[in-house]
Amino acid sequence: MEHRKMYHRQQIDLNDGQCCIIEGPIPPEDLQLLRMHADLDAFRRPKDQHEALVEIAGLEEGRIIVARVDEVIVGYVTFHYPDELERWYEAGMPDLIELGAIEVADQYRSYGLGKKMIQLSFADEQLENMIVFTTEYYWHWDLEGTKLSVWEYRGIMEKLMKSVGMVWYATDDPEICSHPANCLMVRIGKEVPQQSEEQFDRIRFRQRFMY
């Protein structure tokens, strides 16, 4: 399976005079030279999250896109194969990749960095031979910090994913079905064979008699 990793870099001038660099996919040796913003703690402590990013970047399929100010990571997006504990892993599809974590430090959330990082991830058709999916769970959302309702936050996440052509897909996955705000969003690259699409459909539904 060909994993196309085409490095891109974009510079953004922030309102306070700071310069933010959005770049990736970044190799692990370059990631090790950076450090995490203290607010990037949605999934684990910043130090532990930094170690996880370096590990993902070293995977054959792994991709890390970051937004950084100088040597400080203020946002990141991860791409990797599904976790072994998830149903999406069971089919062993080499062309099925997960858009996993996306996080932006609180003080940098008004600059659209999440959208810019995701759009850079798909630049130059580098993911056209992949089915890219993301599972959105409301318990991962910063509802308290943003003061948004679960549905307002869901709308933001859906709009963010739609900016790169990801659309809502139905599934009978129990975790996604456990709350109506949770959702599965998918982008099928134009080079993905029909066989892979059909295989993905079989993963999405285990209880087809219900639909």
Protein backbone atom coordinates (compact mmCIF):
# COMPACT_ATOMS: atom_id res chain seq x y z
CA MET A 1 0.00 0.00 0.00
CA GLU A 2 1.39 3.37 -1.02
CA HIS A 3 1.34 5.94 1.77
CA ARG A 4 1.86 9.29 0.08
CA LYS A 5 3.35 11.78 2.48
CA MET A 6 3.86 15.13 0.83
CA TYR A 7 5.24 17.76 3.18
CA HIS A 8 3.54 21.16 3.07
CA ARG A 9 4.12 24.34 5.05
CA GLN A 10 1.90 27.38 5.46
CA GLN A 11 2.56 30.58 7.39
CA ILE A 12 -0.20 32.51 9.14
CA ASP A 13 0.20 35.92 10.76
CA LEU A 14 -1.83 36.09 13.95
CA ASN A 15 -3.51 39.24 15.22
CA ASP A 16 -1.06 39.73 18.09
CA GLY A 17 1.96 39.83 15.80
CA GLN A 18 2.86 36.18 16.26
CA CYS A 19 3.60 33.96 13.29
CA CYS A 20 2.06 30.49 13.20
CA ILE A 21 3.47 27.75 11.00
CA ILE A 22 1.20 24.93 9.86
CA GLU A 23 3.16 22.01 8.47
CA GLY A 24 3.28 18.30 7.92
CA PRO A 25 3.34 15.42 7.73
CA ILE A 26 6.24 15.88 10.15
CA PRO A 27 8.84 13.13 10.67
CA PRO A 28 9.39 11.93 14.25
CA GLU A 29 12.89 13.37 14.52
CA ASP A 30 11.56 16.88 13.82
CA LEU A 31 8.64 16.45 16.22
CA GLN A 32 11.03 15.55 19.01
CA LEU A 33 12.59 19.02 18.74
CA LEU A 34 9.25 20.70 19.44
CA ARG A 35 7.32 20.96 22.70
CA MET A 36 3.61 20.98 23.48
CA HIS A 37 1.58 23.97 24.62
CA ALA A 38 0.43 23.43 28.20
CA ASP A 39 -3.25 23.65 27.19
CA LEU A 40 -3.05 20.64 24.87
CA ASP A 41 -4.35 18.22 27.48
CA ALA A 42 -7.71 17.05 26.12
CA PHE A 43 -6.59 13.42 25.68
CA ARG A 44 -3.58 13.09 28.03
CA ARG A 45 -0.93 15.21 29.69
CA PRO A 46 0.97 17.37 27.16
CA LYS A 47 4.24 15.49 27.71
CA ASP A 48 2.53 12.13 27.17
CA GLN A 49 0.65 13.45 24.15
CA HIS A 50 3.92 14.66 22.64
CA GLU A 51 5.38 11.17 23.00
CA ALA A 52 2.28 9.72 21.32
CA LEU A 53 2.62 12.13 18.38
CA VAL A 54 6.26 11.15 17.89
CA GLU A 55 5.27 7.49 17.92
CA ILE A 56 2.48 7.99 15.38
CA ALA A 57 4.76 10.00 13.10
CA GLY A 58 7.12 7.03 12.99
CA LEU A 59 4.46 4.64 11.71
CA GLU A 60 4.42 3.80 8.03
CA GLU A 61 0.88 5.14 7.68
CA GLY A 62 1.11 7.71 10.46
CA ARG A 63 0.76 11.42 9.76
CA ILE A 64 1.05 14.35 12.13
CA ILE A 65 0.12 17.86 11.05
CA VAL A 66 0.95 20.63 13.51
CA ALA A 67 0.37 24.31 14.04
CA ARG A 68 3.28 25.84 15.91
CA VAL A 69 4.45 29.20 17.18
CA ASP A 70 8.23 29.10 17.19
CA GLU A 71 9.04 25.69 18.71
CA VAL A 72 5.75 25.30 20.58
CA ILE A 73 2.99 23.09 19.15
CA VAL A 74 -0.33 24.93 19.58
CA GLY A 75 -2.43 22.48 17.55
CA TYR A 76 -2.20 19.11 15.86
CA VAL A 77 -4.09 16.55 13.80
CA THR A 78 -3.29 12.82 13.72
CA PHE A 79 -3.85 10.16 11.06
CA HIS A 80 -3.21 6.46 11.67
CA TYR A 81 -4.68 3.00 11.26
CA PRO A 82 -7.64 2.20 13.54
CA ASP A 83 -6.98 0.95 17.05
CA GLU A 84 -6.95 -2.84 17.46
CA LEU A 85 -9.89 -2.60 19.90
CA GLU A 86 -12.17 -0.91 17.36
CA ARG A 87 -14.35 -2.64 14.78
CA TRP A 88 -12.71 -0.57 12.02
CA TYR A 89 -9.48 -2.49 12.57
CA GLU A 90 -10.98 -5.95 12.13
CA ALA A 91 -11.15 -5.93 8.33
CA GLY A 92 -7.41 -5.26 8.07
CA MET A 93 -7.93 -2.76 5.26
CA PRO A 94 -4.63 -1.16 4.18
CA ASP A 95 -6.50 1.75 2.61
CA LEU A 96 -8.66 2.63 5.65
CA ILE A 97 -7.11 5.33 7.83
CA GLU A 98 -8.49 7.21 10.81
CA LEU A 99 -8.40 10.94 11.33
CA GLY A 100 -7.90 10.59 15.06
CA ALA A 101 -7.22 13.41 17.47
CA ILE A 102 -7.54 17.08 16.59
CA GLU A 103 -6.75 19.67 19.21
CA VAL A 104 -5.95 23.40 19.33
CA ALA A 105 -4.77 25.29 22.43
CA ASP A 106 -7.45 27.53 23.91
CA GLN A 107 -5.91 30.91 23.07
CA TYR A 108 -5.42 29.94 19.41
CA ARG A 109 -8.92 28.68 18.65
CA SER A 110 -10.16 31.85 16.94
CA TYR A 111 -7.79 31.57 13.96
CA GLY A 112 -9.30 28.59 12.15
CA LEU A 113 -6.18 26.50 12.72
CA GLY A 114 -8.12 23.24 12.90
CA LYS A 115 -9.56 23.79 9.45
CA LYS A 116 -6.21 24.86 8.01
CA MET A 117 -4.42 21.81 9.43
CA ILE A 118 -7.01 19.39 8.05
CA GLN A 119 -7.01 21.03 4.63
CA LEU A 120 -3.21 20.86 4.49
CA SER A 121 -3.47 17.14 5.30
CA PHE A 122 -5.30 16.49 2.04
CA ALA A 123 -3.15 18.75 -0.16
CA ASP A 124 -1.94 17.46 -3.54
CA GLU A 125 -4.37 14.52 -3.51
CA GLN A 126 -2.09 12.60 -1.16
CA LEU A 127 -5.05 10.81 0.45
CA GLU A 128 -7.02 10.04 -2.70
CA ASN A 129 -6.13 6.34 -2.44
CA MET A 130 -7.54 6.15 1.11
CA ILE A 131 -10.86 5.92 2.89
CA VAL A 132 -10.44 8.45 5.70
CA PHE A 133 -12.89 8.29 8.58
CA THR A 134 -13.35 9.99 11.92
CA THR A 135 -15.53 9.05 14.87
CA GLU A 136 -16.91 12.07 16.69
CA TYR A 137 -17.88 11.46 20.33
CA TYR A 138 -19.44 14.24 22.37
CA TRP A 139 -17.45 13.26 25.48
CA HIS A 140 -14.25 14.35 23.71
CA TRP A 141 -15.60 17.86 23.07
CA ASP A 142 -14.68 20.87 25.20
CA LEU A 143 -18.26 21.83 26.00
CA GLU A 144 -17.31 23.46 29.29
CA GLY A 145 -14.50 25.57 27.89
CA THR A 146 -16.40 26.74 24.81
CA LYS A 147 -19.78 27.15 26.59
CA LEU A 148 -21.43 25.58 23.53
CA SER A 149 -24.28 23.10 23.61
CA VAL A 150 -23.60 19.57 22.43
CA TRP A 151 -25.46 20.30 19.19
CA GLU A 152 -23.64 23.57 18.56
CA TYR A 153 -20.32 21.77 19.01
CA ARG A 154 -21.49 18.93 16.77
CA GLY A 155 -22.31 21.51 14.09
CA ILE A 156 -18.80 22.99 14.31
CA MET A 157 -17.15 19.58 14.02
CA GLU A 158 -19.36 18.57 11.11
CA LYS A 159 -18.60 21.82 9.27
CA LEU A 160 -14.89 21.31 9.93
CA MET A 161 -14.89 17.82 8.44
CA LYS A 162 -17.03 18.87 5.49
CA SER A 163 -14.32 21.41 4.56
CA VAL A 164 -12.29 18.47 3.16
CA GLY A 165 -15.23 16.56 1.72
CA MET A 166 -16.01 14.28 4.66
CA VAL A 167 -19.70 13.43 4.97
CA TRP A 168 -21.92 11.74 7.56
CA TYR A 169 -22.24 7.96 7.24
CA ALA A 170 -24.70 5.71 9.05
CA THR A 171 -23.42 2.85 11.22
CA ASP A 172 -24.62 0.48 13.91
CA ASP A 173 -21.43 0.89 15.95
CA PRO A 174 -22.59 0.84 19.61
CA GLU A 175 -20.39 3.71 20.79
CA ILE A 176 -21.56 6.01 18.01
CA CYS A 177 -25.17 4.96 18.51
CA SER A 178 -24.95 5.57 22.27
CA HIS A 179 -25.71 9.29 21.83
CA PRO A 180 -27.46 11.08 18.93
CA ALA A 181 -24.73 13.75 18.75
CA ASN A 182 -22.03 11.18 18.03
CA CYS A 183 -21.34 10.56 14.37
CA LEU A 184 -19.18 8.81 11.81
CA MET A 185 -17.80 10.99 9.02
CA VAL A 186 -16.04 9.58 5.98
CA ARG A 187 -14.19 10.69 2.87
CA ILE A 188 -13.66 8.11 0.13
CA GLY A 189 -10.78 9.05 -2.14
CA LYS A 190 -11.37 9.01 -5.88
CA GLU A 191 -8.75 6.28 -6.36
CA VAL A 192 -10.28 3.88 -3.82
CA PRO A 193 -11.50 0.68 -5.53
CA GLN A 194 -15.12 -0.42 -5.34
CA GLN A 195 -14.05 -3.52 -3.44
CA SER A 196 -12.73 -1.40 -0.57
CA GLU A 197 -15.93 0.66 -0.45
CA GLU A 198 -17.97 -2.52 -0.17
CA GLN A 199 -15.68 -3.89 2.51
CA PHE A 200 -16.04 -0.68 4.50
CA ASP A 201 -19.83 -0.90 4.21
CA ARG A 202 -19.71 -4.37 5.73
CA ILE A 203 -17.73 -3.00 8.68
CA ARG A 204 -20.18 -0.14 9.22
CA PHE A 205 -23.08 -2.52 9.72
CA ARG A 206 -23.06 -5.76 11.66
CA GLN A 207 -26.80 -5.89 12.22
CA ARG A 208 -28.02 -5.26 8.70
CA PHE A 209 -31.42 -6.75 9.40
CA MET A 210 -32.11 -3.66 11.51
CA TYR A 211 -31.72 -1.25 8.56
